[in-house]
Amino acid sequence: DRETTGRGVTLYLPDGRIPLHPPVLSEGA
């Protein structure tokens, strides 16, 4: 909760993304 609050949004770049949530969650469960 604290770390997602520090990020706010997922950042998208051409060579990858900086996710709001860890990929195990955002691209998985």
mmCIF file of all heavy atoms, coordinates in Angstrom:
data_MODEL
# 
_entry.id   MODEL 
# 
loop_
_atom_site.group_PDB 
_atom_site.id 
_atom_site.type_symbol 
_atom_site.label_atom_id 
_atom_site.label_alt_id 
_atom_site.label_comp_id 
_atom_site.label_asym_id 
_atom_site.label_entity_id 
_atom_site.label_seq_id 
_atom_site.pdbx_PDB_ins_code 
_atom_site.Cartn_x 
_atom_site.Cartn_y 
_atom_site.Cartn_z 
_atom_site.occupancy 
_atom_site.B_iso_or_equiv 
_atom_site.pdbx_formal_charge 
_atom_site.auth_seq_id 
_atom_site.auth_comp_id 
_atom_site.auth_asym_id 
_atom_site.auth_atom_id 
_atom_site.pdbx_PDB_model_num 
ATOM 1   N N   . ASP A 1 1  ? 0.837  -1.202  0.000   1.00 0.00 ? 1  ASP A N   1 
ATOM 2   C CA  . ASP A 1 1  ? 0.000  0.000   0.000   1.00 0.00 ? 1  ASP A CA  1 
ATOM 3   C C   . ASP A 1 1  ? 0.868  1.246   0.000   1.00 0.00 ? 1  ASP A C   1 
ATOM 4   O O   . ASP A 1 1  ? 0.653  2.180   -0.795  1.00 0.00 ? 1  ASP A O   1 
ATOM 5   C CB  . ASP A 1 1  ? -0.911 -0.032  1.225   1.00 0.00 ? 1  ASP A CB  1 
ATOM 6   C CG  . ASP A 1 1  ? -1.947 1.083   1.227   1.00 0.00 ? 1  ASP A CG  1 
ATOM 7   O OD1 . ASP A 1 1  ? -2.153 1.707   0.175   1.00 0.00 ? 1  ASP A OD1 1 
ATOM 8   O OD2 . ASP A 1 1  ? -2.544 1.331   2.277   1.00 0.00 ? 1  ASP A OD2 1 
ATOM 9   N N   . ARG A 1 2  ? 1.865  1.292   0.857   1.00 0.00 ? 2  ARG A N   1 
ATOM 10  C CA  . ARG A 1 2  ? 2.737  2.473   0.927   1.00 0.00 ? 2  ARG A CA  1 
ATOM 11  C C   . ARG A 1 2  ? 3.509  2.676   -0.374  1.00 0.00 ? 2  ARG A C   1 
ATOM 12  O O   . ARG A 1 2  ? 3.644  3.814   -0.853  1.00 0.00 ? 2  ARG A O   1 
ATOM 13  C CB  . ARG A 1 2  ? 3.713  2.331   2.088   1.00 0.00 ? 2  ARG A CB  1 
ATOM 14  C CG  . ARG A 1 2  ? 3.066  2.373   3.471   1.00 0.00 ? 2  ARG A CG  1 
ATOM 15  C CD  . ARG A 1 2  ? 4.109  2.505   4.562   1.00 0.00 ? 2  ARG A CD  1 
ATOM 16  N NE  . ARG A 1 2  ? 5.029  1.374   4.585   1.00 0.00 ? 2  ARG A NE  1 
ATOM 17  C CZ  . ARG A 1 2  ? 4.828  0.249   5.264   1.00 0.00 ? 2  ARG A CZ  1 
ATOM 18  N NH1 . ARG A 1 2  ? 3.714  0.096   5.966   1.00 0.00 ? 2  ARG A NH1 1 
ATOM 19  N NH2 . ARG A 1 2  ? 5.714  -0.733  5.249   1.00 0.00 ? 2  ARG A NH2 1 
ATOM 20  N N   . GLU A 1 3  ? 3.998  1.599   -0.961  1.00 0.00 ? 3  GLU A N   1 
ATOM 21  C CA  . GLU A 1 3  ? 4.832  1.743   -2.157  1.00 0.00 ? 3  GLU A CA  1 
ATOM 22  C C   . GLU A 1 3  ? 4.006  2.090   -3.394  1.00 0.00 ? 3  GLU A C   1 
ATOM 23  O O   . GLU A 1 3  ? 4.467  2.844   -4.259  1.00 0.00 ? 3  GLU A O   1 
ATOM 24  C CB  . GLU A 1 3  ? 5.662  0.478   -2.357  1.00 0.00 ? 3  GLU A CB  1 
ATOM 25  C CG  . GLU A 1 3  ? 6.696  0.305   -1.242  1.00 0.00 ? 3  GLU A CG  1 
ATOM 26  C CD  . GLU A 1 3  ? 7.588  -0.905  -1.410  1.00 0.00 ? 3  GLU A CD  1 
ATOM 27  O OE1 . GLU A 1 3  ? 7.897  -1.250  -2.572  1.00 0.00 ? 3  GLU A OE1 1 
ATOM 28  O OE2 . GLU A 1 3  ? 7.978  -1.504  -0.389  1.00 0.00 ? 3  GLU A OE2 1 
ATOM 29  N N   . THR A 1 4  ? 2.788  1.589   -3.496  1.00 0.00 ? 4  THR A N   1 
ATOM 30  C CA  . THR A 1 4  ? 1.947  1.996   -4.626  1.00 0.00 ? 4  THR A CA  1 
ATOM 31  C C   . THR A 1 4  ? 1.525  3.458   -4.485  1.00 0.00 ? 4  THR A C   1 
ATOM 32  O O   . THR A 1 4  ? 1.393  4.170   -5.491  1.00 0.00 ? 4  THR A O   1 
ATOM 33  C CB  . THR A 1 4  ? 0.705  1.101   -4.743  1.00 0.00 ? 4  THR A CB  1 
ATOM 34  O OG1 . THR A 1 4  ? -0.002 1.098   -3.497  1.00 0.00 ? 4  THR A OG1 1 
ATOM 35  C CG2 . THR A 1 4  ? 1.092  -0.319  -5.114  1.00 0.00 ? 4  THR A CG2 1 
ATOM 36  N N   . THR A 1 5  ? 1.329  3.909   -3.258  1.00 0.00 ? 5  THR A N   1 
ATOM 37  C CA  . THR A 1 5  ? 0.998  5.324   -3.050  1.00 0.00 ? 5  THR A CA  1 
ATOM 38  C C   . THR A 1 5  ? 2.142  6.210   -3.518  1.00 0.00 ? 5  THR A C   1 
ATOM 39  O O   . THR A 1 5  ? 1.919  7.305   -4.058  1.00 0.00 ? 5  THR A O   1 
ATOM 40  C CB  . THR A 1 5  ? 0.688  5.587   -1.566  1.00 0.00 ? 5  THR A CB  1 
ATOM 41  O OG1 . THR A 1 5  ? -0.434 4.792   -1.174  1.00 0.00 ? 5  THR A OG1 1 
ATOM 42  C CG2 . THR A 1 5  ? 0.371  7.053   -1.322  1.00 0.00 ? 5  THR A CG2 1 
ATOM 43  N N   . GLY A 1 6  ? 3.366  5.760   -3.365  1.00 0.00 ? 6  GLY A N   1 
ATOM 44  C CA  . GLY A 1 6  ? 4.508  6.528   -3.843  1.00 0.00 ? 6  GLY A CA  1 
ATOM 45  C C   . GLY A 1 6  ? 4.630  6.543   -5.353  1.00 0.00 ? 6  GLY A C   1 
ATOM 46  O O   . GLY A 1 6  ? 5.288  7.428   -5.906  1.00 0.00 ? 6  GLY A O   1 
ATOM 47  N N   . ARG A 1 7  ? 4.006  5.604   -6.034  1.00 0.00 ? 7  ARG A N   1 
ATOM 48  C CA  . ARG A 1 7  ? 4.088  5.523   -7.496  1.00 0.00 ? 7  ARG A CA  1 
ATOM 49  C C   . ARG A 1 7  ? 2.900  6.213   -8.174  1.00 0.00 ? 7  ARG A C   1 
ATOM 50  O O   . ARG A 1 7  ? 3.094  6.954   -9.127  1.00 0.00 ? 7  ARG A O   1 
ATOM 51  C CB  . ARG A 1 7  ? 4.159  4.055   -7.935  1.00 0.00 ? 7  ARG A CB  1 
ATOM 52  C CG  . ARG A 1 7  ? 5.455  3.377   -7.505  1.00 0.00 ? 7  ARG A CG  1 
ATOM 53  C CD  . ARG A 1 7  ? 5.452  1.881   -7.750  1.00 0.00 ? 7  ARG A CD  1 
ATOM 54  N NE  . ARG A 1 7  ? 6.708  1.298   -7.323  1.00 0.00 ? 7  ARG A NE  1 
ATOM 55  C CZ  . ARG A 1 7  ? 7.577  0.689   -8.133  1.00 0.00 ? 7  ARG A CZ  1 
ATOM 56  N NH1 . ARG A 1 7  ? 7.305  0.556   -9.424  1.00 0.00 ? 7  ARG A NH1 1 
ATOM 57  N NH2 . ARG A 1 7  ? 8.706  0.203   -7.661  1.00 0.00 ? 7  ARG A NH2 1 
ATOM 58  N N   . GLY A 1 8  ? 1.700  5.913   -7.744  1.00 0.00 ? 8  GLY A N   1 
ATOM 59  C CA  . GLY A 1 8  ? 0.518  6.598   -8.263  1.00 0.00 ? 8  GLY A CA  1 
ATOM 60  C C   . GLY A 1 8  ? -0.048 6.027   -9.536  1.00 0.00 ? 8  GLY A C   1 
ATOM 61  O O   . GLY A 1 8  ? -1.250 5.796   -9.642  1.00 0.00 ? 8  GLY A O   1 
ATOM 62  N N   . VAL A 1 9  ? 0.803  5.819   -10.550 1.00 0.00 ? 9  VAL A N   1 
ATOM 63  C CA  . VAL A 1 9  ? 0.367  5.284   -11.835 1.00 0.00 ? 9  VAL A CA  1 
ATOM 64  C C   . VAL A 1 9  ? 1.465  4.394   -12.402 1.00 0.00 ? 9  VAL A C   1 
ATOM 65  O O   . VAL A 1 9  ? 2.624  4.473   -11.988 1.00 0.00 ? 9  VAL A O   1 
ATOM 66  C CB  . VAL A 1 9  ? 0.052  6.397   -12.868 1.00 0.00 ? 9  VAL A CB  1 
ATOM 67  C CG1 . VAL A 1 9  ? -1.100 7.274   -12.415 1.00 0.00 ? 9  VAL A CG1 1 
ATOM 68  C CG2 . VAL A 1 9  ? 1.292  7.231   -13.163 1.00 0.00 ? 9  VAL A CG2 1 
ATOM 69  N N   . THR A 1 10 ? 1.082  3.553   -13.344 1.00 0.00 ? 10 THR A N   1 
ATOM 70  C CA  . THR A 1 10 ? 2.068  2.817   -14.127 1.00 0.00 ? 10 THR A CA  1 
ATOM 71  C C   . THR A 1 10 ? 2.652  3.755   -15.178 1.00 0.00 ? 10 THR A C   1 
ATOM 72  O O   . THR A 1 10 ? 1.916  4.493   -15.841 1.00 0.00 ? 10 THR A O   1 
ATOM 73  C CB  . THR A 1 10 ? 1.418  1.605   -14.816 1.00 0.00 ? 10 THR A CB  1 
ATOM 74  O OG1 . THR A 1 10 ? 1.024  0.656   -13.818 1.00 0.00 ? 10 THR A OG1 1 
ATOM 75  C CG2 . THR A 1 10 ? 2.381  0.928   -15.778 1.00 0.00 ? 10 THR A CG2 1 
ATOM 76  N N   . LEU A 1 11 ? 3.979  3.731   -15.319 1.00 0.00 ? 11 LEU A N   1 
ATOM 77  C CA  . LEU A 1 11 ? 4.662  4.527   -16.336 1.00 0.00 ? 11 LEU A CA  1 
ATOM 78  C C   . LEU A 1 11 ? 5.012  3.614   -17.501 1.00 0.00 ? 11 LEU A C   1 
ATOM 79  O O   . LEU A 1 11 ? 5.610  2.546   -17.302 1.00 0.00 ? 11 LEU A O   1 
ATOM 80  C CB  . LEU A 1 11 ? 5.933  5.157   -15.762 1.00 0.00 ? 11 LEU A CB  1 
ATOM 81  C CG  . LEU A 1 11 ? 5.751  6.110   -14.582 1.00 0.00 ? 11 LEU A CG  1 
ATOM 82  C CD1 . LEU A 1 11 ? 7.114  6.542   -14.042 1.00 0.00 ? 11 LEU A CD1 1 
ATOM 83  C CD2 . LEU A 1 11 ? 4.945  7.325   -14.989 1.00 0.00 ? 11 LEU A CD2 1 
ATOM 84  N N   . TYR A 1 12 ? 4.662  4.025   -18.706 1.00 0.00 ? 12 TYR A N   1 
ATOM 85  C CA  . TYR A 1 12 ? 4.924  3.223   -19.894 1.00 0.00 ? 12 TYR A CA  1 
ATOM 86  C C   . TYR A 1 12 ? 6.032  3.851   -20.722 1.00 0.00 ? 12 TYR A C   1 
ATOM 87  O O   . TYR A 1 12 ? 5.958  5.021   -21.092 1.00 0.00 ? 12 TYR A O   1 
ATOM 88  C CB  . TYR A 1 12 ? 3.650  3.079   -20.735 1.00 0.00 ? 12 TYR A CB  1 
ATOM 89  C CG  . TYR A 1 12 ? 2.586  2.252   -20.063 1.00 0.00 ? 12 TYR A CG  1 
ATOM 90  C CD1 . TYR A 1 12 ? 1.618  2.857   -19.265 1.00 0.00 ? 12 TYR A CD1 1 
ATOM 91  C CD2 . TYR A 1 12 ? 2.554  0.874   -20.212 1.00 0.00 ? 12 TYR A CD2 1 
ATOM 92  C CE1 . TYR A 1 12 ? 0.643  2.087   -18.627 1.00 0.00 ? 12 TYR A CE1 1 
ATOM 93  C CE2 . TYR A 1 12 ? 1.581  0.102   -19.585 1.00 0.00 ? 12 TYR A CE2 1 
ATOM 94  C CZ  . TYR A 1 12 ? 0.630  0.721   -18.798 1.00 0.00 ? 12 TYR A CZ  1 
ATOM 95  O OH  . TYR A 1 12 ? -0.324 -0.022  -18.175 1.00 0.00 ? 12 TYR A OH  1 
ATOM 96  N N   . LEU A 1 13 ? 7.075  3.078   -20.996 1.00 0.00 ? 13 LEU A N   1 
ATOM 97  C CA  . LEU A 1 13 ? 8.159  3.492   -21.864 1.00 0.00 ? 13 LEU A CA  1 
ATOM 98  C C   . LEU A 1 13 ? 8.275  2.494   -23.004 1.00 0.00 ? 13 LEU A C   1 
ATOM 99  O O   . LEU A 1 13 ? 7.811  1.344   -22.876 1.00 0.00 ? 13 LEU A O   1 
ATOM 100 C CB  . LEU A 1 13 ? 9.487  3.579   -21.101 1.00 0.00 ? 13 LEU A CB  1 
ATOM 101 C CG  . LEU A 1 13 ? 9.643  4.792   -20.186 1.00 0.00 ? 13 LEU A CG  1 
ATOM 102 C CD1 . LEU A 1 13 ? 9.011  4.527   -18.827 1.00 0.00 ? 13 LEU A CD1 1 
ATOM 103 C CD2 . LEU A 1 13 ? 11.116 5.153   -20.001 1.00 0.00 ? 13 LEU A CD2 1 
ATOM 104 N N   . PRO A 1 14 ? 8.904  2.867   -24.128 1.00 0.00 ? 14 PRO A N   1 
ATOM 105 C CA  . PRO A 1 14 ? 8.975  1.947   -25.258 1.00 0.00 ? 14 PRO A CA  1 
ATOM 106 C C   . PRO A 1 14 ? 9.680  0.634   -24.941 1.00 0.00 ? 14 PRO A C   1 
ATOM 107 O O   . PRO A 1 14 ? 9.360  -0.399  -25.518 1.00 0.00 ? 14 PRO A O   1 
ATOM 108 C CB  . PRO A 1 14 ? 9.750  2.754   -26.312 1.00 0.00 ? 14 PRO A CB  1 
ATOM 109 C CG  . PRO A 1 14 ? 9.512  4.176   -25.959 1.00 0.00 ? 14 PRO A CG  1 
ATOM 110 C CD  . PRO A 1 14 ? 9.450  4.196   -24.467 1.00 0.00 ? 14 PRO A CD  1 
ATOM 111 N N   . ASP A 1 15 ? 10.658 0.665   -24.032 1.00 0.00 ? 15 ASP A N   1 
ATOM 112 C CA  . ASP A 1 15 ? 11.426 -0.543  -23.731 1.00 0.00 ? 15 ASP A CA  1 
ATOM 113 C C   . ASP A 1 15 ? 10.986 -1.220  -22.448 1.00 0.00 ? 15 ASP A C   1 
ATOM 114 O O   . ASP A 1 15 ? 11.701 -2.060  -21.888 1.00 0.00 ? 15 ASP A O   1 
ATOM 115 C CB  . ASP A 1 15 ? 12.918 -0.217  -23.655 1.00 0.00 ? 15 ASP A CB  1 
ATOM 116 C CG  . ASP A 1 15 ? 13.243 0.820   -22.590 1.00 0.00 ? 15 ASP A CG  1 
ATOM 117 O OD1 . ASP A 1 15 ? 12.297 1.431   -22.050 1.00 0.00 ? 15 ASP A OD1 1 
ATOM 118 O OD2 . ASP A 1 15 ? 14.439 1.009   -22.305 1.00 0.00 ? 15 ASP A OD2 1 
ATOM 119 N N   . GLY A 1 16 ? 9.813  -0.881  -21.939 1.00 0.00 ? 16 GLY A N   1 
ATOM 120 C CA  . GLY A 1 16 ? 9.305  -1.529  -20.738 1.00 0.00 ? 16 GLY A CA  1 
ATOM 121 C C   . GLY A 1 16 ? 8.467  -0.580  -19.907 1.00 0.00 ? 16 GLY A C   1 
ATOM 122 O O   . GLY A 1 16 ? 8.416  0.613   -20.174 1.00 0.00 ? 16 GLY A O   1 
ATOM 123 N N   . ARG A 1 17 ? 7.851  -1.109  -18.880 1.00 0.00 ? 17 ARG A N   1 
ATOM 124 C CA  . ARG A 1 17 ? 6.989  -0.297  -18.039 1.00 0.00 ? 17 ARG A CA  1 
ATOM 125 C C   . ARG A 1 17 ? 7.528  -0.253  -16.617 1.00 0.00 ? 17 ARG A C   1 
ATOM 126 O O   . ARG A 1 17 ? 8.277  -1.136  -16.181 1.00 0.00 ? 17 ARG A O   1 
ATOM 127 C CB  . ARG A 1 17 ? 5.570  -0.841  -18.044 1.00 0.00 ? 17 ARG A CB  1 
ATOM 128 C CG  . ARG A 1 17 ? 5.416  -2.185  -17.384 1.00 0.00 ? 17 ARG A CG  1 
ATOM 129 C CD  . ARG A 1 17 ? 4.066  -2.805  -17.673 1.00 0.00 ? 17 ARG A CD  1 
ATOM 130 N NE  . ARG A 1 17 ? 3.929  -3.144  -19.080 1.00 0.00 ? 17 ARG A NE  1 
ATOM 131 C CZ  . ARG A 1 17 ? 2.852  -3.669  -19.617 1.00 0.00 ? 17 ARG A CZ  1 
ATOM 132 N NH1 . ARG A 1 17 ? 1.793  -3.901  -18.882 1.00 0.00 ? 17 ARG A NH1 1 
ATOM 133 N NH2 . ARG A 1 17 ? 2.799  -3.952  -20.899 1.00 0.00 ? 17 ARG A NH2 1 
ATOM 134 N N   . ILE A 1 18 ? 7.136  0.778   -15.894 1.00 0.00 ? 18 ILE A N   1 
ATOM 135 C CA  . ILE A 1 18 ? 7.439  0.900   -14.475 1.00 0.00 ? 18 ILE A CA  1 
ATOM 136 C C   . ILE A 1 18 ? 6.089  0.755   -13.780 1.00 0.00 ? 18 ILE A C   1 
ATOM 137 O O   . ILE A 1 18 ? 5.306  1.706   -13.717 1.00 0.00 ? 18 ILE A O   1 
ATOM 138 C CB  . ILE A 1 18 ? 8.097  2.252   -14.155 1.00 0.00 ? 18 ILE A CB  1 
ATOM 139 C CG1 . ILE A 1 18 ? 9.363  2.420   -15.004 1.00 0.00 ? 18 ILE A CG1 1 
ATOM 140 C CG2 . ILE A 1 18 ? 8.439  2.352   -12.668 1.00 0.00 ? 18 ILE A CG2 1 
ATOM 141 C CD1 . ILE A 1 18 ? 9.953  3.816   -14.950 1.00 0.00 ? 18 ILE A CD1 1 
ATOM 142 N N   . PRO A 1 19 ? 5.775  -0.429  -13.290 1.00 0.00 ? 19 PRO A N   1 
ATOM 143 C CA  . PRO A 1 19 ? 4.400  -0.723  -12.884 1.00 0.00 ? 19 PRO A CA  1 
ATOM 144 C C   . PRO A 1 19 ? 4.011  -0.097  -11.555 1.00 0.00 ? 19 PRO A C   1 
ATOM 145 O O   . PRO A 1 19 ? 4.846  0.117   -10.671 1.00 0.00 ? 19 PRO A O   1 
ATOM 146 C CB  . PRO A 1 19 ? 4.388  -2.244  -12.806 1.00 0.00 ? 19 PRO A CB  1 
ATOM 147 C CG  . PRO A 1 19 ? 5.790  -2.603  -12.426 1.00 0.00 ? 19 PRO A CG  1 
ATOM 148 C CD  . PRO A 1 19 ? 6.662  -1.591  -13.138 1.00 0.00 ? 19 PRO A CD  1 
ATOM 149 N N   . LEU A 1 20 ? 2.722  0.154   -11.424 1.00 0.00 ? 20 LEU A N   1 
ATOM 150 C CA  . LEU A 1 20 ? 2.168  0.601   -10.150 1.00 0.00 ? 20 LEU A CA  1 
ATOM 151 C C   . LEU A 1 20 ? 2.207  -0.532  -9.131  1.00 0.00 ? 20 LEU A C   1 
ATOM 152 O O   . LEU A 1 20 ? 2.476  -0.308  -7.950  1.00 0.00 ? 20 LEU A O   1 
ATOM 153 C CB  . LEU A 1 20 ? 0.728  1.080   -10.357 1.00 0.00 ? 20 LEU A CB  1 
ATOM 154 C CG  . LEU A 1 20 ? -0.095 1.440   -9.117  1.00 0.00 ? 20 LEU A CG  1 
ATOM 155 C CD1 . LEU A 1 20 ? 0.562  2.578   -8.341  1.00 0.00 ? 20 LEU A CD1 1 
ATOM 156 C CD2 . LEU A 1 20 ? -1.514 1.820   -9.514  1.00 0.00 ? 20 LEU A CD2 1 
ATOM 157 N N   . HIS A 1 21 ? 1.945  -1.757  -9.593  1.00 0.00 ? 21 HIS A N   1 
ATOM 158 C CA  . HIS A 1 21 ? 1.963  -2.936  -8.731  1.00 0.00 ? 21 HIS A CA  1 
ATOM 159 C C   . HIS A 1 21 ? 2.992  -3.940  -9.264  1.00 0.00 ? 21 HIS A C   1 
ATOM 160 O O   . HIS A 1 21 ? 3.254  -3.971  -10.467 1.00 0.00 ? 21 HIS A O   1 
ATOM 161 C CB  . HIS A 1 21 ? 0.581  -3.613  -8.699  1.00 0.00 ? 21 HIS A CB  1 
ATOM 162 C CG  . HIS A 1 21 ? -0.504 -2.749  -8.168  1.00 0.00 ? 21 HIS A CG  1 
ATOM 163 N ND1 . HIS A 1 21 ? -1.287 -1.957  -8.986  1.00 0.00 ? 21 HIS A ND1 1 
ATOM 164 C CD2 . HIS A 1 21 ? -0.951 -2.543  -6.900  1.00 0.00 ? 21 HIS A CD2 1 
ATOM 165 C CE1 . HIS A 1 21 ? -2.171 -1.308  -8.244  1.00 0.00 ? 21 HIS A CE1 1 
ATOM 166 N NE2 . HIS A 1 21 ? -1.989 -1.627  -6.976  1.00 0.00 ? 21 HIS A NE2 1 
ATOM 167 N N   . PRO A 1 22 ? 3.557  -4.771  -8.419  1.00 0.00 ? 22 PRO A N   1 
ATOM 168 C CA  . PRO A 1 22 ? 4.499  -5.786  -8.901  1.00 0.00 ? 22 PRO A CA  1 
ATOM 169 C C   . PRO A 1 22 ? 3.864  -6.660  -9.980  1.00 0.00 ? 22 PRO A C   1 
ATOM 170 O O   . PRO A 1 22 ? 2.666  -6.983  -9.904  1.00 0.00 ? 22 PRO A O   1 
ATOM 171 C CB  . PRO A 1 22 ? 4.804  -6.603  -7.637  1.00 0.00 ? 22 PRO A CB  1 
ATOM 172 C CG  . PRO A 1 22 ? 4.541  -5.670  -6.500  1.00 0.00 ? 22 PRO A CG  1 
ATOM 173 C CD  . PRO A 1 22 ? 3.380  -4.820  -6.949  1.00 0.00 ? 22 PRO A CD  1 
ATOM 174 N N   . PRO A 1 23 ? 4.625  -7.054  -10.997 1.00 0.00 ? 23 PRO A N   1 
ATOM 175 C CA  . PRO A 1 23 ? 4.064  -7.866  -12.082 1.00 0.00 ? 23 PRO A CA  1 
ATOM 176 C C   . PRO A 1 23 ? 3.410  -9.163  -11.616 1.00 0.00 ? 23 PRO A C   1 
ATOM 177 O O   . PRO A 1 23 ? 2.468  -9.630  -12.253 1.00 0.00 ? 23 PRO A O   1 
ATOM 178 C CB  . PRO A 1 23 ? 5.286  -8.154  -12.968 1.00 0.00 ? 23 PRO A CB  1 
ATOM 179 C CG  . PRO A 1 23 ? 6.175  -6.957  -12.745 1.00 0.00 ? 23 PRO A CG  1 
ATOM 180 C CD  . PRO A 1 23 ? 6.006  -6.610  -11.296 1.00 0.00 ? 23 PRO A CD  1 
ATOM 181 N N   . VAL A 1 24 ? 3.887  -9.747  -10.509 1.00 0.00 ? 24 VAL A N   1 
ATOM 182 C CA  . VAL A 1 24 ? 3.247  -10.964 -10.010 1.00 0.00 ? 24 VAL A CA  1 
ATOM 183 C C   . VAL A 1 24 ? 1.772  -10.720 -9.709  1.00 0.00 ? 24 VAL A C   1 
ATOM 184 O O   . VAL A 1 24 ? 0.947  -11.638 -9.787  1.00 0.00 ? 24 VAL A O   1 
ATOM 185 C CB  . VAL A 1 24 ? 3.987  -11.489 -8.748  1.00 0.00 ? 24 VAL A CB  1 
ATOM 186 C CG1 . VAL A 1 24 ? 3.805  -10.534 -7.568  1.00 0.00 ? 24 VAL A CG1 1 
ATOM 187 C CG2 . VAL A 1 24 ? 3.522  -12.888 -8.393  1.00 0.00 ? 24 VAL A CG2 1 
ATOM 188 N N   . LEU A 1 25 ? 1.440  -9.471  -9.442  1.00 0.00 ? 25 LEU A N   1 
ATOM 189 C CA  . LEU A 1 25 ? 0.053  -9.086  -9.176  1.00 0.00 ? 25 LEU A CA  1 
ATOM 190 C C   . LEU A 1 25 ? -0.600 -8.494  -10.413 1.00 0.00 ? 25 LEU A C   1 
ATOM 191 O O   . LEU A 1 25 ? -1.643 -8.964  -10.872 1.00 0.00 ? 25 LEU A O   1 
ATOM 192 C CB  . LEU A 1 25 ? 0.012  -8.081  -8.029  1.00 0.00 ? 25 LEU A CB  1 
ATOM 193 C CG  . LEU A 1 25 ? -1.357 -7.573  -7.562  1.00 0.00 ? 25 LEU A CG  1 
ATOM 194 C CD1 . LEU A 1 25 ? -2.192 -8.726  -7.060  1.00 0.00 ? 25 LEU A CD1 1 
ATOM 195 C CD2 . LEU A 1 25 ? -1.176 -6.524  -6.477  1.00 0.00 ? 25 LEU A CD2 1 
ATOM 196 N N   . SER A 1 26 ? 0.044  -7.452  -10.991 1.00 0.00 ? 26 SER A N   1 
ATOM 197 C CA  . SER A 1 26 ? -0.585 -6.706  -12.082 1.00 0.00 ? 26 SER A CA  1 
ATOM 198 C C   . SER A 1 26 ? -0.646 -7.494  -13.381 1.00 0.00 ? 26 SER A C   1 
ATOM 199 O O   . SER A 1 26 ? -1.526 -7.252  -14.215 1.00 0.00 ? 26 SER A O   1 
ATOM 200 C CB  . SER A 1 26 ? 0.169  -5.392  -12.326 1.00 0.00 ? 26 SER A CB  1 
ATOM 201 O OG  . SER A 1 26 ? 1.509  -5.630  -12.683 1.00 0.00 ? 26 SER A OG  1 
ATOM 202 N N   . GLU A 1 27 ? 0.270  -8.441  -13.581 1.00 0.00 ? 27 GLU A N   1 
ATOM 203 C CA  . GLU A 1 27 ? 0.255  -9.259  -14.790 1.00 0.00 ? 27 GLU A CA  1 
ATOM 204 C C   . GLU A 1 27 ? -0.025 -10.717 -14.462 1.00 0.00 ? 27 GLU A C   1 
ATOM 205 O O   . GLU A 1 27 ? 0.105  -11.584 -15.323 1.00 0.00 ? 27 GLU A O   1 
ATOM 206 C CB  . GLU A 1 27 ? 1.590  -9.131  -15.520 1.00 0.00 ? 27 GLU A CB  1 
ATOM 207 C CG  . GLU A 1 27 ? 1.908  -7.698  -15.950 1.00 0.00 ? 27 GLU A CG  1 
ATOM 208 C CD  . GLU A 1 27 ? 3.244  -7.565  -16.643 1.00 0.00 ? 27 GLU A CD  1 
ATOM 209 O OE1 . GLU A 1 27 ? 3.748  -8.590  -17.157 1.00 0.00 ? 27 GLU A OE1 1 
ATOM 210 O OE2 . GLU A 1 27 ? 3.784  -6.452  -16.705 1.00 0.00 ? 27 GLU A OE2 1 
ATOM 211 N N   . GLY A 1 28 ? -0.375 -10.958 -13.197 1.00 0.00 ? 28 GLY A N   1 
ATOM 212 C CA  . GLY A 1 28 ? -0.616 -12.325 -12.758 1.00 0.00 ? 28 GLY A CA  1 
ATOM 213 C C   . GLY A 1 28 ? -1.904 -12.470 -11.988 1.00 0.00 ? 28 GLY A C   1 
ATOM 214 O O   . GLY A 1 28 ? -2.998 -12.471 -12.556 1.00 0.00 ? 28 GLY A O   1 
ATOM 215 N N   . ALA A 1 29 ? -1.807 -12.548 -10.670 1.00 0.00 ? 29 ALA A N   1 
ATOM 216 C CA  . ALA A 1 29 ? -2.936 -12.965 -9.838  1.00 0.00 ? 29 ALA A CA  1 
ATOM 217 C C   . ALA A 1 29 ? -4.146 -12.050 -9.908  1.00 0.00 ? 29 ALA A C   1 
ATOM 218 O O   . ALA A 1 29 ? -5.279 -12.501 -9.724  1.00 0.00 ? 29 ALA A O   1 
ATOM 219 C CB  . ALA A 1 29 ? -2.472 -13.099 -8.386  1.00 0.00 ? 29 ALA A CB  1 
# 
